[in-house]
Amino acid sequence: MTTTEADGPDFSSSSLPRHLVRGLIGFGSLIGSVAFLPTAGPVSLLLLPVGVLALRGCPMCWTLGLMQTVSRGRLRRTCEDGGCRLTVADRDHEERPAA
């Protein structure tokens, strides 16, 4: 049995709270850039790059990263005999001993 790493880009964060903060900053900046347009004028569009940078590209990239962050360490892809499948990773080393 051979375990392989993901071939695609990695959009995940090191922790779930960190990823959610990035989303809050990113979506807040994107919404703020449009919402403040009537009051601040074109200056509010300076929030657009902040939002795109925080989301690492686009809202879908952030969503994919959220799924990767949540599933990190829980799913494992195994490939053998020309076919691949996802399985739940063994967590024997994390089990607590019975008291």
C-alpha atoms as a PDB file:
ATOM      1  CA  MET A   1       0.000   0.000   0.000  1.00  0.00           C
ATOM      2  CA  THR A   2       1.349   3.403  -0.951  1.00  0.00           C
ATOM      3  CA  THR A   3       0.229   6.680   0.599  1.00  0.00           C
ATOM      4  CA  THR A   4       0.598   9.768  -1.568  1.00  0.00           C
ATOM      5  CA  GLU A   5       0.449  13.454  -0.857  1.00  0.00           C
ATOM      6  CA  ALA A   6      -2.121  15.729  -2.501  1.00  0.00           C
ATOM      7  CA  ASP A   7      -1.102  16.825  -5.975  1.00  0.00           C
ATOM      8  CA  GLY A   8      -3.016  20.114  -6.013  1.00  0.00           C
ATOM      9  CA  PRO A   9      -2.380  23.430  -4.285  1.00  0.00           C
ATOM     10  CA  ASP A  10      -2.689  23.693  -0.526  1.00  0.00           C
ATOM     11  CA  PHE A  11      -4.948  26.521   0.661  1.00  0.00           C
ATOM     12  CA  SER A  12      -5.240  25.334   4.266  1.00  0.00           C
ATOM     13  CA  SER A  13      -4.071  27.200   7.355  1.00  0.00           C
ATOM     14  CA  SER A  14      -2.172  25.866  10.329  1.00  0.00           C
ATOM     15  CA  SER A  15      -5.312  25.945  12.510  1.00  0.00           C
ATOM     16  CA  LEU A  16      -9.062  26.361  12.148  1.00  0.00           C
ATOM     17  CA  PRO A  17      -9.298  29.606  14.211  1.00  0.00           C
ATOM     18  CA  ARG A  18      -6.535  31.143  12.086  1.00  0.00           C
ATOM     19  CA  HIS A  19      -8.382  30.198   8.895  1.00  0.00           C
ATOM     20  CA  LEU A  20     -11.656  31.636  10.200  1.00  0.00           C
ATOM     21  CA  VAL A  21      -9.924  34.915  11.118  1.00  0.00           C
ATOM     22  CA  ARG A  22      -8.502  35.089   7.587  1.00  0.00           C
ATOM     23  CA  GLY A  23     -12.031  34.609   6.258  1.00  0.00           C
ATOM     24  CA  LEU A  24     -13.422  37.318   8.522  1.00  0.00           C
ATOM     25  CA  ILE A  25     -10.756  39.775   7.390  1.00  0.00           C
ATOM     26  CA  GLY A  26     -11.098  38.789   3.735  1.00  0.00           C
ATOM     27  CA  PHE A  27     -14.874  38.827   3.452  1.00  0.00           C
ATOM     28  CA  GLY A  28     -15.095  41.929   5.669  1.00  0.00           C
ATOM     29  CA  SER A  29     -12.673  43.797   3.419  1.00  0.00           C
ATOM     30  CA  LEU A  30     -14.484  42.746   0.233  1.00  0.00           C
ATOM     31  CA  ILE A  31     -17.882  43.718   1.620  1.00  0.00           C
ATOM     32  CA  GLY A  32     -16.481  46.919   3.146  1.00  0.00           C
ATOM     33  CA  SER A  33     -14.920  48.016  -0.129  1.00  0.00           C
ATOM     34  CA  VAL A  34     -18.339  47.961  -1.794  1.00  0.00           C
ATOM     35  CA  ALA A  35     -20.351  49.163   1.223  1.00  0.00           C
ATOM     36  CA  PHE A  36     -18.152  52.225   1.845  1.00  0.00           C
ATOM     37  CA  LEU A  37     -18.081  53.228  -1.822  1.00  0.00           C
ATOM     38  CA  PRO A  38     -20.925  55.800  -1.466  1.00  0.00           C
ATOM     39  CA  THR A  39     -19.337  57.461   1.581  1.00  0.00           C
ATOM     40  CA  ALA A  40     -15.582  57.092   1.025  1.00  0.00           C
ATOM     41  CA  GLY A  41     -15.573  57.061  -2.763  1.00  0.00           C
ATOM     42  CA  PRO A  42     -12.900  55.244  -4.743  1.00  0.00           C
ATOM     43  CA  VAL A  43     -10.617  55.174  -1.679  1.00  0.00           C
ATOM     44  CA  SER A  44     -12.721  52.331  -0.295  1.00  0.00           C
ATOM     45  CA  LEU A  45     -11.576  50.184  -3.224  1.00  0.00           C
ATOM     46  CA  LEU A  46      -8.175  49.980  -1.495  1.00  0.00           C
ATOM     47  CA  LEU A  47      -9.791  47.309   0.690  1.00  0.00           C
ATOM     48  CA  LEU A  48     -10.160  44.983  -2.330  1.00  0.00           C
ATOM     49  CA  PRO A  49      -6.498  43.855  -2.411  1.00  0.00           C
ATOM     50  CA  VAL A  50      -6.584  43.306   1.357  1.00  0.00           C
ATOM     51  CA  GLY A  51      -9.593  41.016   0.971  1.00  0.00           C
ATOM     52  CA  VAL A  52      -8.112  39.101  -1.943  1.00  0.00           C
ATOM     53  CA  LEU A  53      -4.797  38.666  -0.100  1.00  0.00           C
ATOM     54  CA  ALA A  54      -6.508  37.449   3.086  1.00  0.00           C
ATOM     55  CA  LEU A  55      -8.610  34.943   1.121  1.00  0.00           C
ATOM     56  CA  ARG A  56      -5.524  33.841  -0.868  1.00  0.00           C
ATOM     57  CA  GLY A  57      -7.123  34.625  -4.184  1.00  0.00           C
ATOM     58  CA  CYS A  58     -10.873  34.263  -4.150  1.00  0.00           C
ATOM     59  CA  PRO A  59     -13.739  33.201  -1.878  1.00  0.00           C
ATOM     60  CA  MET A  60     -13.688  29.709  -3.419  1.00  0.00           C
ATOM     61  CA  CYS A  61      -9.967  29.366  -2.624  1.00  0.00           C
ATOM     62  CA  TRP A  62     -10.761  30.216   0.996  1.00  0.00           C
ATOM     63  CA  THR A  63     -13.604  27.670   1.038  1.00  0.00           C
ATOM     64  CA  LEU A  64     -11.329  24.947  -0.340  1.00  0.00           C
ATOM     65  CA  GLY A  65      -8.774  25.869   2.310  1.00  0.00           C
ATOM     66  CA  LEU A  66     -11.453  25.575   4.991  1.00  0.00           C
ATOM     67  CA  MET A  67     -12.268  22.053   3.853  1.00  0.00           C
ATOM     68  CA  GLN A  68      -8.551  21.177   3.755  1.00  0.00           C
ATOM     69  CA  THR A  69      -7.989  22.637   7.226  1.00  0.00           C
ATOM     70  CA  VAL A  70     -10.918  20.716   8.719  1.00  0.00           C
ATOM     71  CA  SER A  71      -9.957  17.418   7.076  1.00  0.00           C
ATOM     72  CA  ARG A  72      -6.200  17.700   7.731  1.00  0.00           C
ATOM     73  CA  GLY A  73      -5.039  14.637   9.584  1.00  0.00           C
ATOM     74  CA  ARG A  74      -8.450  12.986   9.404  1.00  0.00           C
ATOM     75  CA  LEU A  75      -8.471  11.736   5.833  1.00  0.00           C
ATOM     76  CA  ARG A  76      -5.772   9.795   4.060  1.00  0.00           C
ATOM     77  CA  ARG A  77      -5.562   9.015   0.372  1.00  0.00           C
ATOM     78  CA  THR A  78      -4.183   5.574  -0.467  1.00  0.00           C
ATOM     79  CA  CYS A  79      -3.356   4.387  -3.952  1.00  0.00           C
ATOM     80  CA  GLU A  80      -2.714   0.819  -4.997  1.00  0.00           C
ATOM     81  CA  ASP A  81      -3.295  -1.262  -8.115  1.00  0.00           C
ATOM     82  CA  GLY A  82      -4.024   1.828 -10.201  1.00  0.00           C
ATOM     83  CA  GLY A  83      -6.897   3.073  -7.989  1.00  0.00           C
ATOM     84  CA  CYS A  84      -7.040   5.617  -5.173  1.00  0.00           C
ATOM     85  CA  ARG A  85      -9.471   5.994  -2.288  1.00  0.00           C
ATOM     86  CA  LEU A  86      -9.965   8.154   0.781  1.00  0.00           C
ATOM     87  CA  THR A  87      -9.930   6.508   4.186  1.00  0.00           C
ATOM     88  CA  VAL A  88     -10.130   7.768   7.742  1.00  0.00           C
ATOM     89  CA  ALA A  89      -6.648   8.037   9.225  1.00  0.00           C
ATOM     90  CA  ASP A  90      -5.743   5.786  12.154  1.00  0.00           C
ATOM     91  CA  ARG A  91      -5.733   7.648  15.427  1.00  0.00           C
ATOM     92  CA  ASP A  92      -4.493   4.835  17.657  1.00  0.00           C
ATOM     93  CA  HIS A  93      -1.678   6.980  18.968  1.00  0.00           C
ATOM     94  CA  GLU A  94      -4.164   9.614  20.166  1.00  0.00           C
ATOM     95  CA  GLU A  95      -6.460   7.295  22.141  1.00  0.00           C
ATOM     96  CA  ARG A  96      -6.586   7.847  25.874  1.00  0.00           C
ATOM     97  CA  PRO A  97      -5.892   4.879  28.112  1.00  0.00           C
ATOM     98  CA  ALA A  98      -8.874   3.527  30.022  1.00  0.00           C
ATOM     99  CA  ALA A  99      -8.804   4.476  33.701  1.00  0.00           C
END
